[in-house]
Amino acid sequence: MPQLNMGVPELDLGKQFRKPKTSRVPTLLFTGTLDGRTYIEEQKEAIKHLSNQTHLMVENAGHNLFNSSPKVLEAMKSFMREDVIKEFRIVLEHPKLN
C-alpha cells in the first residue's frame, strides 16, 4: 500500500524480502493483457527467475481472469495432469464498453 510508504517504517520488509526469488518448481502463470493491477512488464520482471514456468497470455482479460474462459480452466487442469500445454495464448472477445 503505497499510501503507507514511509509513514509506518516497520512495514518495510527490507532488502532480503525484495531479492529475486528462484524456483525450479513447475509453475503455471497467466497474464491478462488488460490487467490494470499487475502490469505485463512488472510480471515479467517478477517471474524471470522461475526456471520451470509455463506462461499463458490471455488476450483481452483483466486481473481476475480465471473465470474469463473455459480455456483458462482447461489449461489449469492440463497443467495439473502434467500434460504438455501446446497453446500459450488464449484470445477472448474484446470487452464491451457501455
C-alpha atoms as a PDB file:
ATOM      1  CA  MET A   1       0.000   0.000   0.000  1.00  0.00           C
ATOM      2  CA  PRO A   2       1.982   2.956  -1.268  1.00  0.00           C
ATOM      3  CA  GLN A   3      -0.029   5.400   0.827  1.00  0.00           C
ATOM      4  CA  LEU A   4       1.658   3.927   3.935  1.00  0.00           C
ATOM      5  CA  ASN A   5       5.167   4.209   2.483  1.00  0.00           C
ATOM      6  CA  MET A   6       7.480   5.923   4.975  1.00  0.00           C
ATOM      7  CA  GLY A   7       4.522   6.570   7.302  1.00  0.00           C
ATOM      8  CA  VAL A   8       4.882   3.262   9.134  1.00  0.00           C
ATOM      9  CA  PRO A   9       8.597   2.324   8.956  1.00  0.00           C
ATOM     10  CA  GLU A  10       8.145  -1.176  10.431  1.00  0.00           C
ATOM     11  CA  LEU A  11       6.134  -2.172   7.333  1.00  0.00           C
ATOM     12  CA  ASP A  12       9.319  -2.181   5.206  1.00  0.00           C
ATOM     13  CA  LEU A  13      10.405  -5.820   4.964  1.00  0.00           C
ATOM     14  CA  GLY A  14      13.928  -4.945   3.872  1.00  0.00           C
ATOM     15  CA  LYS A  15      16.313  -5.917   1.080  1.00  0.00           C
ATOM     16  CA  GLN A  16      16.187  -9.661   1.848  1.00  0.00           C
ATOM     17  CA  PHE A  17      12.452  -9.689   1.116  1.00  0.00           C
ATOM     18  CA  ARG A  18      12.924  -7.914  -2.229  1.00  0.00           C
ATOM     19  CA  LYS A  19      15.754 -10.063  -3.551  1.00  0.00           C
ATOM     20  CA  PRO A  20      14.861 -12.197  -6.608  1.00  0.00           C
ATOM     21  CA  LYS A  21      13.032 -15.430  -5.852  1.00  0.00           C
ATOM     22  CA  THR A  22      14.258 -18.524  -7.666  1.00  0.00           C
ATOM     23  CA  SER A  23      12.483 -21.829  -8.096  1.00  0.00           C
ATOM     24  CA  ARG A  24      12.538 -24.959 -10.243  1.00  0.00           C
ATOM     25  CA  VAL A  25       9.037 -25.966  -9.132  1.00  0.00           C
ATOM     26  CA  PRO A  26       6.670 -26.284 -12.113  1.00  0.00           C
ATOM     27  CA  THR A  27       4.676 -23.055 -12.163  1.00  0.00           C
ATOM     28  CA  LEU A  28       1.714 -22.046 -14.317  1.00  0.00           C
ATOM     29  CA  LEU A  29       1.373 -18.315 -14.867  1.00  0.00           C
ATOM     30  CA  PHE A  30      -1.335 -16.327 -16.601  1.00  0.00           C
ATOM     31  CA  THR A  31      -1.071 -12.776 -17.894  1.00  0.00           C
ATOM     32  CA  GLY A  32      -4.149 -10.763 -18.816  1.00  0.00           C
ATOM     33  CA  THR A  33      -3.329  -8.164 -21.447  1.00  0.00           C
ATOM     34  CA  LEU A  34      -5.844  -5.748 -19.872  1.00  0.00           C
ATOM     35  CA  ASP A  35      -4.690  -6.267 -16.277  1.00  0.00           C
ATOM     36  CA  GLY A  36      -4.651  -2.885 -14.560  1.00  0.00           C
ATOM     37  CA  ARG A  37      -3.087  -4.203 -11.337  1.00  0.00           C
ATOM     38  CA  THR A  38      -0.201  -6.396 -12.445  1.00  0.00           C
ATOM     39  CA  TYR A  39       1.371  -4.824 -15.494  1.00  0.00           C
ATOM     40  CA  ILE A  40       2.972  -7.144 -18.037  1.00  0.00           C
ATOM     41  CA  GLU A  41       6.488  -5.709 -17.682  1.00  0.00           C
ATOM     42  CA  GLU A  42       6.334  -5.946 -13.876  1.00  0.00           C
ATOM     43  CA  GLN A  43       5.134  -9.536 -14.081  1.00  0.00           C
ATOM     44  CA  LYS A  44       7.961 -10.449 -16.466  1.00  0.00           C
ATOM     45  CA  GLU A  45      10.448  -8.970 -14.012  1.00  0.00           C
ATOM     46  CA  ALA A  46       8.911 -10.875 -11.072  1.00  0.00           C
ATOM     47  CA  ILE A  47       8.943 -14.287 -12.795  1.00  0.00           C
ATOM     48  CA  LYS A  48      12.239 -14.167 -14.667  1.00  0.00           C
ATOM     49  CA  HIS A  49      13.976 -16.374 -12.079  1.00  0.00           C
ATOM     50  CA  LEU A  50      11.386 -19.160 -12.240  1.00  0.00           C
ATOM     51  CA  SER A  51      13.190 -21.712 -14.363  1.00  0.00           C
ATOM     52  CA  ASN A  52      10.319 -24.194 -14.821  1.00  0.00           C
ATOM     53  CA  GLN A  53       7.445 -21.939 -15.792  1.00  0.00           C
ATOM     54  CA  THR A  54       4.601 -22.274 -18.245  1.00  0.00           C
ATOM     55  CA  HIS A  55       3.303 -18.830 -19.146  1.00  0.00           C
ATOM     56  CA  LEU A  56      -0.031 -18.248 -20.865  1.00  0.00           C
ATOM     57  CA  MET A  57      -1.104 -14.886 -22.249  1.00  0.00           C
ATOM     58  CA  VAL A  58      -4.848 -14.218 -22.113  1.00  0.00           C
ATOM     59  CA  GLU A  59      -5.713 -11.530 -24.662  1.00  0.00           C
ATOM     60  CA  ASN A  60      -8.434  -9.093 -23.589  1.00  0.00           C
ATOM     61  CA  ALA A  61      -8.536 -10.390 -19.995  1.00  0.00           C
ATOM     62  CA  GLY A  62      -8.027  -8.362 -16.865  1.00  0.00           C
ATOM     63  CA  HIS A  63      -6.633  -9.218 -13.436  1.00  0.00           C
ATOM     64  CA  ASN A  64      -9.368 -11.673 -12.399  1.00  0.00           C
ATOM     65  CA  LEU A  65      -9.120 -13.843 -15.491  1.00  0.00           C
ATOM     66  CA  PHE A  66      -9.692 -17.312 -14.062  1.00  0.00           C
ATOM     67  CA  ASN A  67     -13.402 -17.355 -14.940  1.00  0.00           C
ATOM     68  CA  SER A  68     -12.947 -15.483 -18.201  1.00  0.00           C
ATOM     69  CA  SER A  69     -12.971 -18.548 -20.440  1.00  0.00           C
ATOM     70  CA  PRO A  70     -13.354 -22.331 -20.213  1.00  0.00           C
ATOM     71  CA  LYS A  71      -9.949 -22.469 -21.943  1.00  0.00           C
ATOM     72  CA  VAL A  72      -8.314 -20.979 -18.841  1.00  0.00           C
ATOM     73  CA  LEU A  73      -9.767 -23.728 -16.643  1.00  0.00           C
ATOM     74  CA  GLU A  74      -8.766 -26.371 -19.187  1.00  0.00           C
ATOM     75  CA  ALA A  75      -5.194 -25.049 -19.204  1.00  0.00           C
ATOM     76  CA  MET A  76      -5.094 -25.309 -15.405  1.00  0.00           C
ATOM     77  CA  LYS A  77      -6.408 -28.876 -15.493  1.00  0.00           C
ATOM     78  CA  SER A  78      -3.888 -29.844 -18.182  1.00  0.00           C
ATOM     79  CA  PHE A  79      -1.055 -28.366 -16.143  1.00  0.00           C
ATOM     80  CA  MET A  80      -2.152 -30.266 -13.032  1.00  0.00           C
ATOM     81  CA  ARG A  81      -2.290 -33.505 -15.055  1.00  0.00           C
ATOM     82  CA  GLU A  82       1.245 -32.707 -16.251  1.00  0.00           C
ATOM     83  CA  ASP A  83       0.046 -32.709 -19.861  1.00  0.00           C
ATOM     84  CA  VAL A  84       2.065 -30.810 -22.433  1.00  0.00           C
ATOM     85  CA  ILE A  85       0.482 -27.417 -22.961  1.00  0.00           C
ATOM     86  CA  LYS A  86       0.630 -26.527 -26.638  1.00  0.00           C
ATOM     87  CA  GLU A  87      -1.268 -23.224 -26.722  1.00  0.00           C
ATOM     88  CA  PHE A  88       0.312 -20.336 -24.865  1.00  0.00           C
ATOM     89  CA  ARG A  89      -2.208 -17.699 -25.933  1.00  0.00           C
ATOM     90  CA  ILE A  90      -5.920 -17.612 -25.227  1.00  0.00           C
ATOM     91  CA  VAL A  91      -7.824 -14.940 -27.145  1.00  0.00           C
ATOM     92  CA  LEU A  92     -11.077 -13.627 -25.714  1.00  0.00           C
ATOM     93  CA  GLU A  93     -13.564 -11.298 -27.360  1.00  0.00           C
ATOM     94  CA  HIS A  94     -12.888  -7.618 -26.892  1.00  0.00           C
ATOM     95  CA  PRO A  95     -14.728  -6.374 -23.808  1.00  0.00           C
ATOM     96  CA  LYS A  96     -17.919  -4.486 -24.449  1.00  0.00           C
ATOM     97  CA  LEU A  97     -17.691  -0.953 -23.112  1.00  0.00           C
ATOM     98  CA  ASN A  98     -21.035   0.710 -22.453  1.00  0.00           C
END
